[in-house]
Amino acid sequence: MTHAQSSAPTPKSLGSLSVSPLCLGGNVFGWTADEAESFAVLDAYVAGGGNFIDTADAYSFWVPGNKGGESETVIGNWTAARGNRDDVVIATKVGAQTDLKGLSAATIKTAVDLSLSRLRTDYIDLYYTHYDDESVEVGEFLTALDDLVRAGKVREIAASNISAQRLQESLDFSAREGVARYVALQPHYNLVSRDTYEGELADVAARNGIAAVPYYALASGFLTGKYRPGGNVDSARTGKAAAYLETDRGRRVLQALDTVAAAHDAEVSTVALAWLAAQPTVAAPIASARTLAQLPALLAVTELALTDVELALLTEASA
């Protein structure tokens, strides 16, 4: 049974970029998904109407034997094999790669060329500063990023893991000096982790017309509903996700998600993403799929519009 719905989401703008309402997370490519599995997920995502792929030069240095850049390499091999580079919007990041940490101008200049090489492309659509580096003045890294935009290596720039104060400082510098300006923000934000983004950071984003593209949109898998009291899930991220079950908030959120999912005959993960997509400033939540079977529930977010009552139920449960 489906309640009265507002219209389904349409493509969102991040500066000059037009992106689909679900961003596919590339952190699993070259980690829990090998190249063949990754290609299958990417093919199905694009076939399902998606065009927005998120990665980073640091993915996935934490895996024994990996050094970072594995995810970019998989995506680059895929676009080369499919001949579809101009049909997808690729976001990657700088600053967290093991041997290229921080945001000095020299680090950014070196890192971007390595990312371009792995991605087998001559431009990056959206280039994020992965973590703010407070040892570097905003003017240094923004000027370096502006140089990349002017050189045609990067189309738009964005920030991740940054404080409200430094984000505002960055935006003020860009306006004052006429250099490239952040068009998007990638915060840690989901139904069980609202404190990092809501409040001051969201206010800065709203005031300056910055779109949010939240990561951990499904709380490391917790918001898929597969983690239940007494259950056991075989996943590389089980520890993180299972920790939410220990909290009252986590259990309340699951209960509310179950209620709304039943009303729409939808997957729990689809509802969790739909709540996030409905929040002010959010353009496209990021979610990753290790297997083809996990993808339909993610793509379904573009078809699911929650009622005001359902949104309020979820918001209250997650307070």
Protein backbone atom coordinates (compact mmCIF):
# COMPACT_ATOMS: atom_id res chain seq x y z
CA MET A 1 0.00 0.00 0.00
CA THR A 2 1.42 3.41 -0.93
CA HIS A 3 0.46 6.64 0.75
CA ALA A 4 -0.06 9.91 -1.10
CA GLN A 5 3.28 10.93 -2.52
CA SER A 6 4.95 14.06 -3.70
CA SER A 7 6.71 13.87 -7.06
CA ALA A 8 9.75 11.61 -7.35
CA PRO A 9 13.19 13.27 -7.09
CA THR A 10 14.69 14.83 -10.21
CA PRO A 11 18.38 15.35 -11.09
CA LYS A 12 20.17 17.73 -8.73
CA SER A 13 22.65 20.48 -9.54
CA LEU A 14 26.09 20.72 -7.97
CA GLY A 15 27.39 23.88 -9.59
CA SER A 16 27.57 23.06 -13.30
CA LEU A 17 27.08 19.33 -12.70
CA SER A 18 23.77 17.52 -13.00
CA VAL A 19 23.68 14.43 -10.80
CA SER A 20 21.25 11.61 -10.07
CA PRO A 21 19.54 11.56 -6.64
CA LEU A 22 21.56 8.54 -5.50
CA CYS A 23 25.35 8.65 -5.51
CA LEU A 24 27.04 5.25 -5.81
CA GLY A 25 29.81 4.83 -3.25
CA GLY A 26 33.00 3.39 -4.71
CA ASN A 27 34.72 2.52 -1.42
CA VAL A 28 33.98 -1.20 -1.90
CA PHE A 29 35.56 -1.40 -5.38
CA GLY A 30 38.90 -3.17 -5.06
CA TRP A 31 38.07 -4.02 -1.43
CA THR A 32 35.05 -6.25 -0.79
CA ALA A 33 34.09 -6.24 -4.49
CA ASP A 34 36.65 -7.41 -7.05
CA GLU A 35 36.86 -5.85 -10.52
CA ALA A 36 34.28 -8.16 -12.12
CA GLU A 37 31.75 -7.61 -9.30
CA SER A 38 32.45 -3.87 -9.38
CA PHE A 39 31.85 -3.69 -13.14
CA ALA A 40 28.53 -5.54 -12.71
CA VAL A 41 27.38 -3.10 -10.00
CA LEU A 42 28.48 -0.06 -12.02
CA ASP A 43 26.71 -1.36 -15.14
CA ALA A 44 23.49 -1.97 -13.22
CA TYR A 45 23.66 1.41 -11.47
CA VAL A 46 23.95 3.25 -14.79
CA ALA A 47 21.24 1.05 -16.36
CA GLY A 48 19.02 2.03 -13.42
CA GLY A 49 19.41 5.73 -14.21
CA GLY A 50 22.39 6.61 -11.99
CA ASN A 51 25.26 8.81 -13.16
CA PHE A 52 27.07 9.92 -9.95
CA ILE A 53 30.01 7.85 -8.64
CA ASP A 54 32.01 8.67 -5.50
CA THR A 55 35.55 7.52 -4.77
CA ALA A 56 38.82 8.78 -3.24
CA ASP A 57 42.53 8.36 -3.83
CA ALA A 58 42.71 6.78 -0.34
CA TYR A 59 40.32 3.89 -1.13
CA SER A 60 41.25 1.30 0.05
CA PHE A 61 44.62 1.68 1.78
CA TRP A 62 43.28 -0.03 4.93
CA VAL A 63 43.12 -3.43 3.20
CA PRO A 64 46.26 -5.57 3.62
CA GLY A 65 48.15 -5.48 0.32
CA ASN A 66 46.40 -2.31 -0.91
CA LYS A 67 48.02 1.12 -0.90
CA GLY A 68 45.12 3.35 -1.97
CA GLY A 69 43.95 4.15 -5.48
CA GLU A 70 42.40 0.71 -6.03
CA SER A 71 38.86 2.07 -6.31
CA GLU A 72 39.88 4.80 -8.78
CA THR A 73 41.68 2.17 -10.87
CA VAL A 74 38.57 -0.04 -11.06
CA ILE A 75 36.38 2.92 -12.06
CA GLY A 76 38.92 4.06 -14.66
CA ASN A 77 39.10 0.57 -16.15
CA TRP A 78 35.29 0.43 -16.25
CA THR A 79 34.79 3.77 -18.04
CA ALA A 80 37.56 2.83 -20.49
CA ALA A 81 35.93 -0.54 -21.18
CA ARG A 82 32.46 0.97 -21.59
CA GLY A 83 33.50 4.16 -23.41
CA ASN A 84 31.12 6.15 -21.19
CA ARG A 85 33.37 8.63 -19.40
CA ASP A 86 31.36 11.67 -20.52
CA ASP A 87 28.08 10.09 -19.37
CA VAL A 88 29.05 9.79 -15.70
CA VAL A 89 29.92 12.29 -12.99
CA ILE A 90 32.99 11.09 -11.09
CA ALA A 91 33.84 12.53 -7.68
CA THR A 92 37.15 11.77 -6.02
CA LYS A 93 39.08 13.24 -3.10
CA VAL A 94 42.50 14.48 -2.04
CA GLY A 95 44.25 14.61 1.32
CA ALA A 96 43.88 11.20 2.97
CA GLN A 97 46.10 9.01 0.78
CA THR A 98 48.78 7.39 2.95
CA ASP A 99 51.78 9.08 1.33
CA LEU A 100 49.90 12.21 0.17
CA LYS A 101 48.25 13.45 3.33
CA GLY A 102 47.06 17.00 3.90
CA LEU A 103 46.13 19.91 1.66
CA SER A 104 49.33 21.72 0.80
CA ALA A 105 49.39 23.09 -2.75
CA ALA A 106 52.21 20.66 -3.64
CA THR A 107 50.26 17.66 -2.31
CA ILE A 108 47.13 18.61 -4.27
CA LYS A 109 49.13 19.15 -7.47
CA THR A 110 50.80 15.73 -7.19
CA ALA A 111 47.68 13.86 -6.07
CA VAL A 112 45.39 15.12 -8.83
CA ASP A 113 47.66 13.83 -11.59
CA LEU A 114 47.87 10.40 -9.95
CA SER A 115 44.06 10.29 -9.63
CA LEU A 116 43.62 11.34 -13.28
CA SER A 117 46.02 8.59 -14.33
CA ARG A 118 44.22 5.87 -12.34
CA LEU A 119 40.81 7.10 -13.50
CA ARG A 120 42.12 7.08 -17.09
CA THR A 121 40.62 10.48 -17.77
CA ASP A 122 41.80 14.06 -18.31
CA TYR A 123 39.24 15.64 -15.97
CA ILE A 124 37.59 15.01 -12.60
CA ASP A 125 34.01 16.23 -12.32
CA LEU A 126 33.95 16.90 -8.58
CA TYR A 127 37.14 17.10 -6.50
CA TYR A 128 36.79 17.00 -2.71
CA THR A 129 39.20 18.00 0.00
CA HIS A 130 38.82 14.71 1.91
CA TYR A 131 39.60 16.08 5.39
CA ASP A 132 40.25 19.66 6.30
CA ASP A 133 43.91 20.35 7.04
CA GLU A 134 43.97 23.18 9.56
CA SER A 135 47.75 23.50 9.27
CA VAL A 136 47.15 24.99 5.81
CA GLU A 137 45.49 28.37 5.22
CA VAL A 138 42.27 28.05 3.20
CA GLY A 139 43.78 30.42 0.65
CA GLU A 140 46.59 27.97 -0.16
CA PHE A 141 44.44 24.98 -1.00
CA LEU A 142 41.64 26.97 -2.64
CA THR A 143 44.14 28.71 -4.92
CA ALA A 144 45.66 25.30 -5.78
CA LEU A 145 42.20 23.90 -6.53
CA ASP A 146 41.36 26.98 -8.61
CA ASP A 147 44.50 26.32 -10.67
CA LEU A 148 43.19 22.80 -11.40
CA VAL A 149 39.82 24.18 -12.49
CA ARG A 150 41.49 26.74 -14.76
CA ALA A 151 43.69 23.99 -16.23
CA GLY A 152 40.61 21.90 -17.04
CA LYS A 153 41.67 19.06 -14.74
CA VAL A 154 38.73 19.60 -12.37
CA ARG A 155 35.22 20.88 -13.12
CA GLU A 156 33.89 21.66 -9.62
CA ILE A 157 35.30 21.50 -6.08
CA ALA A 158 33.78 20.33 -2.81
CA ALA A 159 34.64 19.73 0.84
CA SER A 160 34.29 16.76 3.17
CA ASN A 161 34.90 16.52 6.93
CA ILE A 162 35.16 20.25 7.54
CA SER A 163 33.93 22.46 10.38
CA ALA A 164 31.24 25.10 9.89
CA GLN A 165 33.79 27.82 10.65
CA ARG A 166 36.37 26.62 8.10
CA LEU A 167 33.67 26.04 5.48
CA GLN A 168 32.45 29.63 5.88
CA GLU A 169 36.04 30.90 5.84
CA SER A 170 36.65 28.99 2.59
CA LEU A 171 33.51 30.36 0.95
CA ASP A 172 34.39 33.90 2.04
CA PHE A 173 37.90 33.55 0.58
CA SER A 174 36.54 32.28 -2.76
CA ALA A 175 34.07 35.18 -2.97
CA ARG A 176 36.70 37.76 -2.04
CA GLU A 177 39.47 36.48 -4.31
CA GLY A 178 37.34 35.28 -7.21
CA VAL A 179 38.66 31.71 -7.11
CA ALA A 180 36.78 28.41 -7.45
CA ARG A 181 34.21 27.91 -4.71
CA TYR A 182 32.96 24.78 -3.01
CA VAL A 183 29.63 23.69 -4.55
CA ALA A 184 29.04 20.63 -2.36
CA LEU A 185 29.75 19.25 1.07
CA GLN A 186 30.15 15.59 2.02
CA PRO A 187 29.24 15.22 5.69
CA HIS A 188 28.79 12.11 7.86
CA TYR A 189 25.00 12.11 8.11
CA ASN A 190 22.26 9.49 8.49
CA LEU A 191 19.28 8.59 10.68
CA VAL A 192 21.47 7.45 13.58
CA SER A 193 24.22 10.07 13.15
CA ARG A 194 22.65 13.49 12.87
CA ASP A 195 24.76 15.57 15.27
CA THR A 196 27.81 16.08 13.02
CA TYR A 197 25.84 17.81 10.29
CA GLU A 198 22.61 19.22 11.68
CA GLY A 199 22.98 22.63 13.29
CA GLU A 200 25.84 24.97 12.46
CA LEU A 201 27.31 23.06 9.49
CA ALA A 202 23.92 22.56 7.82
CA ASP A 203 23.15 26.23 8.44
CA VAL A 204 26.33 27.33 6.63
CA ALA A 205 25.45 25.01 3.73
CA ALA A 206 21.87 26.30 3.51
CA ARG A 207 22.90 29.95 3.77
CA ASN A 208 25.44 29.60 0.96
CA GLY A 209 23.51 27.28 -1.35
CA ILE A 210 25.88 24.34 -0.79
CA ALA A 211 24.46 20.90 -1.57
CA ALA A 212 25.08 18.05 0.87
CA VAL A 213 26.10 14.61 -0.39
CA PRO A 214 26.12 12.57 2.84
CA TYR A 215 28.43 9.60 3.36
CA TYR A 216 27.67 6.61 5.64
CA ALA A 217 24.08 7.20 4.50
CA LEU A 218 23.22 3.67 5.68
CA ALA A 219 25.42 3.77 8.81
CA SER A 220 27.87 1.09 7.62
CA GLY A 221 24.92 -1.19 6.77
CA PHE A 222 22.97 -0.79 10.01
CA LEU A 223 20.14 1.04 8.22
CA THR A 224 19.65 -1.80 5.74
CA GLY A 225 17.76 -3.59 8.53
CA LYS A 226 19.90 -6.72 8.31
CA TYR A 227 21.32 -6.16 11.80
CA ARG A 228 18.84 -7.31 14.43
CA PRO A 229 19.10 -8.25 18.12
CA GLY A 230 20.51 -11.77 18.38
CA GLY A 231 21.33 -11.91 14.67
CA ASN A 232 24.69 -12.52 13.03
CA VAL A 233 25.79 -10.84 9.79
CA ASP A 234 28.88 -11.78 7.79
CA SER A 235 30.26 -8.42 6.67
CA ALA A 236 33.54 -6.51 6.80
CA ARG A 237 31.64 -3.74 8.58
CA THR A 238 29.70 -5.81 11.14
CA GLY A 239 31.38 -4.29 14.22
CA LYS A 240 30.50 -0.71 13.32
CA ALA A 241 26.92 -1.46 12.34
CA ALA A 242 26.17 -3.80 15.23
CA ALA A 243 27.19 -1.10 17.73
CA TYR A 244 24.06 0.89 16.80
CA LEU A 245 21.92 -2.02 18.04
CA GLU A 246 23.24 -1.41 21.55
CA THR A 247 21.58 2.03 21.68
CA ASP A 248 17.96 2.97 22.33
CA ARG A 249 18.12 5.32 19.38
CA GLY A 250 19.24 2.53 17.05
CA ARG A 251 16.39 0.23 18.13
CA ARG A 252 13.81 3.06 17.87
CA VAL A 253 14.99 3.91 14.37
CA LEU A 254 14.74 0.29 13.22
CA GLN A 255 11.19 0.08 14.55
CA ALA A 256 10.15 3.28 12.75
CA LEU A 257 11.87 2.14 9.55
CA ASP A 258 10.00 -1.18 9.70
CA THR A 259 6.68 0.65 10.08
CA VAL A 260 7.26 2.96 7.10
CA ALA A 261 8.78 0.21 4.94
CA ALA A 262 5.71 -1.99 5.53
CA ALA A 263 3.39 0.86 4.48
CA HIS A 264 5.20 1.18 1.13
CA ASP A 265 6.15 -2.48 0.64
CA ALA A 266 9.70 -1.12 0.46
CA GLU A 267 13.09 -2.18 1.75
CA VAL A 268 14.29 -0.67 5.04
CA SER A 269 17.39 0.75 3.30
CA THR A 270 15.23 2.50 0.69
CA VAL A 271 13.25 4.23 3.44
CA ALA A 272 16.43 5.29 5.30
CA LEU A 273 17.81 6.84 2.10
CA ALA A 274 14.46 8.50 1.33
CA TRP A 275 14.47 10.18 4.75
CA LEU A 276 17.98 11.50 4.09
CA ALA A 277 17.13 12.64 0.55
CA ALA A 278 14.19 14.63 1.95
CA GLN A 279 16.33 16.65 4.38
CA PRO A 280 17.05 20.32 3.62
CA THR A 281 20.24 20.85 1.56
CA VAL A 282 20.67 17.13 0.74
CA ALA A 283 21.17 16.55 -2.99
CA ALA A 284 22.14 12.88 -3.13
CA PRO A 285 22.94 10.39 -0.37
CA ILE A 286 25.93 8.10 -1.02
CA ALA A 287 25.41 4.36 -0.67
CA SER A 288 27.59 1.50 -1.85
CA ALA A 289 26.66 -1.94 -3.15
CA ARG A 290 29.09 -4.83 -2.93
CA THR A 291 26.84 -7.11 -4.97
CA LEU A 292 24.15 -6.73 -7.63
CA ALA A 293 21.55 -7.99 -5.16
CA GLN A 294 22.11 -4.95 -2.91
CA LEU A 295 21.58 -2.37 -5.65
CA PRO A 296 17.80 -2.36 -6.37
CA ALA A 297 16.93 -1.22 -2.84
CA LEU A 298 19.32 1.71 -3.23
CA LEU A 299 18.09 2.77 -6.66
CA ALA A 300 14.48 2.58 -5.42
CA VAL A 301 15.05 5.78 -3.41
CA THR A 302 14.37 7.75 -6.59
CA GLU A 303 10.83 6.30 -6.67
CA LEU A 304 9.95 6.61 -3.00
CA ALA A 305 8.53 9.84 -1.60
CA LEU A 306 7.66 9.73 2.09
CA THR A 307 4.70 11.60 3.55
CA ASP A 308 5.20 14.38 6.08
CA VAL A 309 3.83 12.08 8.77
CA GLU A 310 6.33 9.35 7.89
CA LEU A 311 9.24 11.79 7.79
CA ALA A 312 8.22 13.11 11.21
CA LEU A 313 7.97 9.57 12.63
CA LEU A 314 11.53 8.80 11.50
CA THR A 315 12.88 12.16 12.64
CA GLU A 316 11.36 11.72 16.08
CA ALA A 317 12.61 8.14 16.44
CA SER A 318 16.13 9.24 15.58
CA ALA A 319 16.21 12.29 17.86
